[in-house]
N, C-alpha and C. Protein backbone atom coordinates (compact mmCIF):
# COMPACT_ATOMS: atom_id res chain seq x y z
N MET A 1 -11.10 -18.17 -8.01
CA MET A 1 -11.44 -17.03 -7.16
C MET A 1 -10.86 -15.69 -6.17
N ILE A 2 -11.01 -14.85 -5.83
CA ILE A 2 -10.62 -14.34 -4.88
C ILE A 2 -10.78 -13.97 -3.74
N SER A 3 -9.77 -13.90 -2.74
CA SER A 3 -9.92 -14.51 -0.95
C SER A 3 -9.72 -12.64 -0.76
N ILE A 4 -10.35 -12.58 0.29
CA ILE A 4 -10.16 -11.16 0.16
C ILE A 4 -9.66 -11.62 2.69
N THR A 5 -8.18 -10.99 3.40
CA THR A 5 -7.34 -10.72 4.00
C THR A 5 -6.70 -9.88 4.62
N THR A 6 -6.24 -10.34 5.28
CA THR A 6 -5.13 -9.22 6.24
C THR A 6 -4.08 -10.04 5.98
N VAL A 7 -2.87 -9.43 5.81
CA VAL A 7 -1.30 -9.49 6.22
C VAL A 7 -1.29 -10.69 7.31
N GLN A 8 -0.58 -11.66 6.64
CA GLN A 8 -0.42 -12.38 7.82
C GLN A 8 1.16 -12.83 8.39
N CYS A 9 1.85 -12.36 6.76
CA CYS A 9 3.70 -13.11 6.59
C CYS A 9 4.36 -11.97 6.10
N GLU A 10 5.98 -12.48 6.25
CA GLU A 10 7.08 -11.73 5.33
C GLU A 10 6.76 -11.83 4.22
N THR A 11 6.17 -12.53 4.00
CA THR A 11 5.93 -12.87 2.42
C THR A 11 4.44 -12.21 1.44
N ASP A 12 3.84 -11.61 2.05
CA ASP A 12 3.06 -10.37 1.97
C ASP A 12 3.34 -9.58 1.56
N ILE A 13 3.61 -9.09 2.43
CA ILE A 13 4.06 -8.02 3.13
C ILE A 13 5.19 -7.63 1.48
N LEU A 14 6.21 -8.50 1.52
CA LEU A 14 7.17 -8.42 0.39
C LEU A 14 6.28 -9.19 -0.99
N ALA A 15 5.38 -9.92 -0.51
CA ALA A 15 4.40 -9.42 -2.35
C ALA A 15 3.47 -8.05 -2.26
N ILE A 16 3.15 -7.25 -1.42
CA ILE A 16 3.04 -6.02 -1.99
C ILE A 16 3.92 -4.94 -2.80
N ILE A 17 4.75 -5.00 -1.47
CA ILE A 17 6.27 -4.64 -1.96
C ILE A 17 6.02 -4.40 -3.65
N ALA A 18 6.84 -5.65 -3.94
CA ALA A 18 6.16 -6.04 -5.51
C ALA A 18 5.32 -5.82 -6.66
N LEU A 19 4.01 -5.80 -6.41
CA LEU A 19 3.79 -5.42 -7.46
C LEU A 19 2.92 -3.94 -6.78
N GLN A 20 3.37 -3.12 -5.95
CA GLN A 20 3.34 -1.48 -5.83
C GLN A 20 4.37 -0.59 -6.21
N GLN A 21 5.77 -1.64 -6.40
CA GLN A 21 6.88 -1.60 -7.14
C GLN A 21 6.33 -1.55 -8.89
N ALA A 22 5.78 -2.79 -9.12
CA ALA A 22 5.01 -3.02 -10.82
C ALA A 22 4.61 -1.74 -10.94
N ASN A 23 3.72 -1.26 -10.01
CA ASN A 23 2.23 0.22 -10.33
C ASN A 23 2.51 1.24 -10.47
N LEU A 24 4.33 1.27 -9.97
CA LEU A 24 4.68 2.81 -9.24
C LEU A 24 4.70 3.62 -11.06
N LYS A 25 3.89 4.88 -10.84
CA LYS A 25 3.90 5.44 -12.16
C LYS A 25 4.88 5.24 -13.43
N GLN A 26 6.57 5.70 -12.87
CA GLN A 26 7.52 6.00 -13.17
C GLN A 26 7.39 4.56 -13.75
N ASN A 27 7.42 3.24 -13.13
CA ASN A 27 7.54 1.38 -14.16
C ASN A 27 6.07 1.87 -15.35
N VAL A 28 4.64 2.77 -15.85
CA VAL A 28 3.72 2.09 -16.19
C VAL A 28 3.53 3.12 -17.17
N PRO A 29 3.14 2.51 -18.46
CA PRO A 29 3.02 3.45 -19.92
C PRO A 29 2.18 4.07 -19.75
N ILE A 30 2.64 5.12 -19.86
CA ILE A 30 1.83 6.39 -20.26
C ILE A 30 -0.01 6.20 -20.53
N GLU A 31 -0.03 5.19 -21.67
CA GLU A 31 -1.73 4.60 -22.17
C GLU A 31 -1.88 3.58 -20.70
N VAL A 32 -1.09 2.92 -20.23
CA VAL A 32 -1.49 2.68 -19.21
C VAL A 32 -1.96 3.41 -17.85
N GLN A 33 -1.38 4.50 -17.29
CA GLN A 33 -1.76 5.02 -16.47
C GLN A 33 -3.06 5.56 -16.88
N ALA A 34 -3.28 6.13 -17.88
CA ALA A 34 -5.07 6.98 -18.53
C ALA A 34 -5.27 5.84 -18.63
N SER A 35 -5.42 4.10 -19.08
CA SER A 35 -6.34 3.59 -18.51
C SER A 35 -6.64 3.05 -16.89
N ASP A 36 -5.85 2.63 -16.35
CA ASP A 36 -5.67 1.18 -15.82
C ASP A 36 -4.77 2.25 -14.27
N GLY A 37 -4.81 3.60 -14.39
CA GLY A 37 -4.15 3.90 -13.31
C GLY A 37 -2.61 3.71 -12.61
N PHE A 38 -2.06 4.21 -11.66
CA PHE A 38 -0.36 4.32 -11.19
C PHE A 38 -0.55 4.24 -9.36
N VAL A 39 0.47 3.86 -9.07
CA VAL A 39 1.11 4.36 -7.46
C VAL A 39 1.88 5.32 -7.59
N THR A 40 1.91 6.59 -6.56
CA THR A 40 2.16 7.14 -6.82
C THR A 40 3.14 7.15 -5.57
N VAL A 41 3.09 6.67 -4.01
CA VAL A 41 4.15 6.65 -3.55
C VAL A 41 4.53 4.99 -2.64
N GLU A 42 5.43 5.07 -3.21
CA GLU A 42 6.93 3.80 -2.53
C GLU A 42 6.90 3.83 -0.80
N HIS A 43 6.54 2.54 -0.35
CA HIS A 43 6.94 2.39 0.97
C HIS A 43 7.81 1.87 1.18
N ARG A 44 9.03 1.83 2.57
CA ARG A 44 9.15 0.79 2.29
C ARG A 44 9.28 0.23 2.87
N HIS A 45 10.48 -1.26 3.00
CA HIS A 45 10.48 -2.36 4.13
C HIS A 45 9.91 -2.43 4.79
N ASN A 46 10.61 -1.44 5.55
CA ASN A 46 10.52 -1.07 7.18
C ASN A 46 9.12 -0.55 8.09
N VAL A 47 9.27 0.13 6.79
CA VAL A 47 7.90 0.89 7.22
C VAL A 47 6.86 -0.14 7.01
N LEU A 48 6.29 -0.87 6.26
CA LEU A 48 5.44 -1.29 5.61
C LEU A 48 5.20 -2.68 6.86
N GLN A 49 6.51 -2.87 7.18
CA GLN A 49 6.70 -4.27 8.57
C GLN A 49 6.00 -3.93 9.68
N ARG A 50 5.72 -2.52 10.50
CA ARG A 50 5.73 -1.57 11.22
C ARG A 50 4.67 -1.37 11.11
N MET A 51 4.38 -0.93 10.54
CA MET A 51 2.75 -0.57 10.05
C MET A 51 1.87 -1.82 10.10
N ASN A 52 2.46 -2.85 9.27
CA ASN A 52 1.17 -4.59 9.73
C ASN A 52 1.51 -5.22 10.67
N GLN A 53 2.00 -4.88 12.04
CA GLN A 53 2.72 -5.67 13.24
C GLN A 53 1.27 -4.30 14.13
N ILE A 54 1.27 -3.50 13.65
CA ILE A 54 0.15 -2.62 14.16
C ILE A 54 -1.28 -2.91 13.96
N MET A 55 -1.44 -2.75 13.00
CA MET A 55 -2.62 -3.29 12.21
C MET A 55 -2.93 -3.43 10.26
N PRO A 56 -2.91 -5.00 10.70
CA PRO A 56 -2.43 -5.66 9.44
C PRO A 56 -3.80 -5.09 7.93
N SER A 57 -2.76 -4.38 6.70
CA SER A 57 -3.88 -4.32 5.62
C SER A 57 -4.07 -5.64 5.55
N ILE A 58 -5.45 -4.66 4.33
CA ILE A 58 -6.08 -5.51 3.62
C ILE A 58 -5.30 -6.28 2.34
N ILE A 59 -5.55 -6.97 2.02
CA ILE A 59 -5.22 -7.85 0.48
C ILE A 59 -6.31 -8.65 0.00
N ALA A 60 -5.98 -8.81 -1.31
CA ALA A 60 -6.52 -9.83 -2.90
C ALA A 60 -5.26 -10.47 -2.89
N LYS A 61 -6.03 -11.86 -3.21
CA LYS A 61 -5.48 -13.20 -3.18
C LYS A 61 -6.09 -13.80 -4.25
N ASP A 62 -5.65 -13.90 -5.71
CA ASP A 62 -6.34 -15.12 -6.73
C ASP A 62 -6.26 -16.27 -6.23
N ALA A 63 -6.51 -17.09 -6.80
CA ALA A 63 -6.33 -19.17 -6.15
C ALA A 63 -5.34 -19.95 -5.64
N THR A 64 -4.05 -18.67 -6.96
CA THR A 64 -2.70 -19.86 -6.85
C THR A 64 -2.27 -18.95 -5.20
N SER A 65 -2.96 -18.10 -4.28
CA SER A 65 -2.50 -16.97 -3.56
C SER A 65 -2.01 -16.34 -4.35
N LYS A 66 -1.62 -15.91 -4.95
CA LYS A 66 -0.74 -14.34 -5.57
C LYS A 66 -1.19 -12.82 -4.79
N ILE A 67 -0.79 -12.53 -4.65
CA ILE A 67 -1.77 -10.90 -4.30
C ILE A 67 -1.82 -10.37 -5.91
N ILE A 68 -2.74 -10.16 -5.50
CA ILE A 68 -4.35 -8.59 -6.57
C ILE A 68 -3.58 -7.56 -6.35
N GLY A 69 -3.81 -6.78 -4.71
CA GLY A 69 -4.46 -6.32 -4.67
C GLY A 69 -4.23 -5.79 -3.59
N TYR A 70 -4.76 -4.06 -2.60
CA TYR A 70 -4.01 -3.89 -1.37
C TYR A 70 -4.69 -2.62 -1.15
N ALA A 71 -5.03 -2.58 0.38
CA ALA A 71 -5.25 -1.82 0.57
C ALA A 71 -4.25 -1.26 1.93
N LEU A 72 -3.69 -0.31 2.38
CA LEU A 72 -3.05 -0.58 3.52
C LEU A 72 -4.13 0.55 3.87
N SER A 73 -3.34 -0.49 5.68
CA SER A 73 -4.23 0.77 6.37
C SER A 73 -2.95 1.38 6.95
N MET A 74 -3.00 2.22 7.43
CA MET A 74 -1.84 3.50 8.21
C MET A 74 -1.85 4.52 9.36
N PRO A 75 -1.99 3.96 10.20
CA PRO A 75 -1.86 4.33 11.63
C PRO A 75 -1.90 5.63 11.44
N SER A 76 -1.76 6.52 12.33
CA SER A 76 -2.12 8.64 12.49
C SER A 76 0.16 8.44 12.90
N GLU A 77 0.46 6.79 13.62
CA GLU A 77 1.72 7.45 13.99
C GLU A 77 2.48 7.73 13.11
N PHE A 78 2.47 6.60 11.87
CA PHE A 78 2.73 7.11 11.09
C PHE A 78 2.62 7.61 9.89
N GLY A 79 1.96 9.04 9.73
CA GLY A 79 2.04 10.41 9.14
C GLY A 79 3.43 10.47 8.84
N THR A 80 4.30 10.69 9.74
CA THR A 80 5.35 11.22 9.21
C THR A 80 6.82 10.14 9.03
N ALA A 81 6.52 8.67 8.58
CA ALA A 81 7.41 8.02 8.32
C ALA A 81 7.29 8.10 6.37
N VAL A 82 6.23 8.26 4.96
CA VAL A 82 6.62 8.18 4.40
C VAL A 82 6.40 9.88 4.03
N PRO A 83 7.59 10.42 3.27
CA PRO A 83 7.29 11.98 3.36
C PRO A 83 6.29 12.39 1.95
N GLU A 84 5.72 11.95 0.80
CA GLU A 84 4.71 12.33 -0.12
C GLU A 84 3.03 12.06 0.39
N LEU A 85 3.67 11.69 1.78
CA LEU A 85 1.82 11.92 2.79
C LEU A 85 2.19 12.94 4.02
N HIS A 86 2.67 13.87 4.36
CA HIS A 86 2.91 14.65 5.31
C HIS A 86 1.96 15.72 4.93
N SER A 87 1.56 15.91 4.07
CA SER A 87 0.45 17.19 3.87
C SER A 87 -0.84 16.33 3.70
N LEU A 88 -0.79 15.41 3.47
CA LEU A 88 -1.70 14.25 3.56
C LEU A 88 -2.20 14.74 5.32
N PHE A 89 -1.49 14.52 6.03
CA PHE A 89 -1.64 13.80 7.24
C PHE A 89 -1.90 15.41 7.82
N SER A 90 -0.62 16.07 7.61
CA SER A 90 -1.12 17.77 8.13
C SER A 90 -3.01 18.13 8.05
N ILE A 91 -3.26 17.98 6.92
CA ILE A 91 -5.08 17.57 6.99
C ILE A 91 -6.40 17.38 7.55
N ILE A 92 -5.78 16.08 7.40
CA ILE A 92 -6.08 15.49 8.16
C ILE A 92 -6.02 15.41 9.81
N ASN A 93 -5.24 16.15 10.51
CA ASN A 93 -4.94 16.23 11.44
C ASN A 93 -5.52 17.67 11.65
N SER A 94 -6.11 18.69 11.26
CA SER A 94 -6.45 19.86 11.41
C SER A 94 -7.13 19.47 11.61
N LEU A 95 -8.75 18.74 11.27
CA LEU A 95 -10.41 18.74 10.66
C LEU A 95 -10.67 18.59 12.17
N GLU A 96 -11.82 18.64 12.07
CA GLU A 96 -12.62 18.86 13.32
C GLU A 96 -13.65 17.63 12.93
N TYR A 97 -13.82 16.67 13.58
CA TYR A 97 -14.70 15.93 13.83
C TYR A 97 -15.47 15.44 14.57
């Protein structure tokens, strides 16, 4: 059974980092990239800690409580904390809604 919850502790943050590392583009074989995808952005530990203090991210855990998926919640004030996302936040901030 899979359970969906939010980041609750440091162990969850470390598990997200481990899962992220395992799925970074440079760590995933080309054939797996084509069929299963990959992660392009690497978040630093201190950034993830601060993000989750403000807005806990969503995580999926398997029956053994191992994190098997995540959806990071990134408040707009972190738009400059991850260089790969600067242009994304620039576009978002220019939108009128």
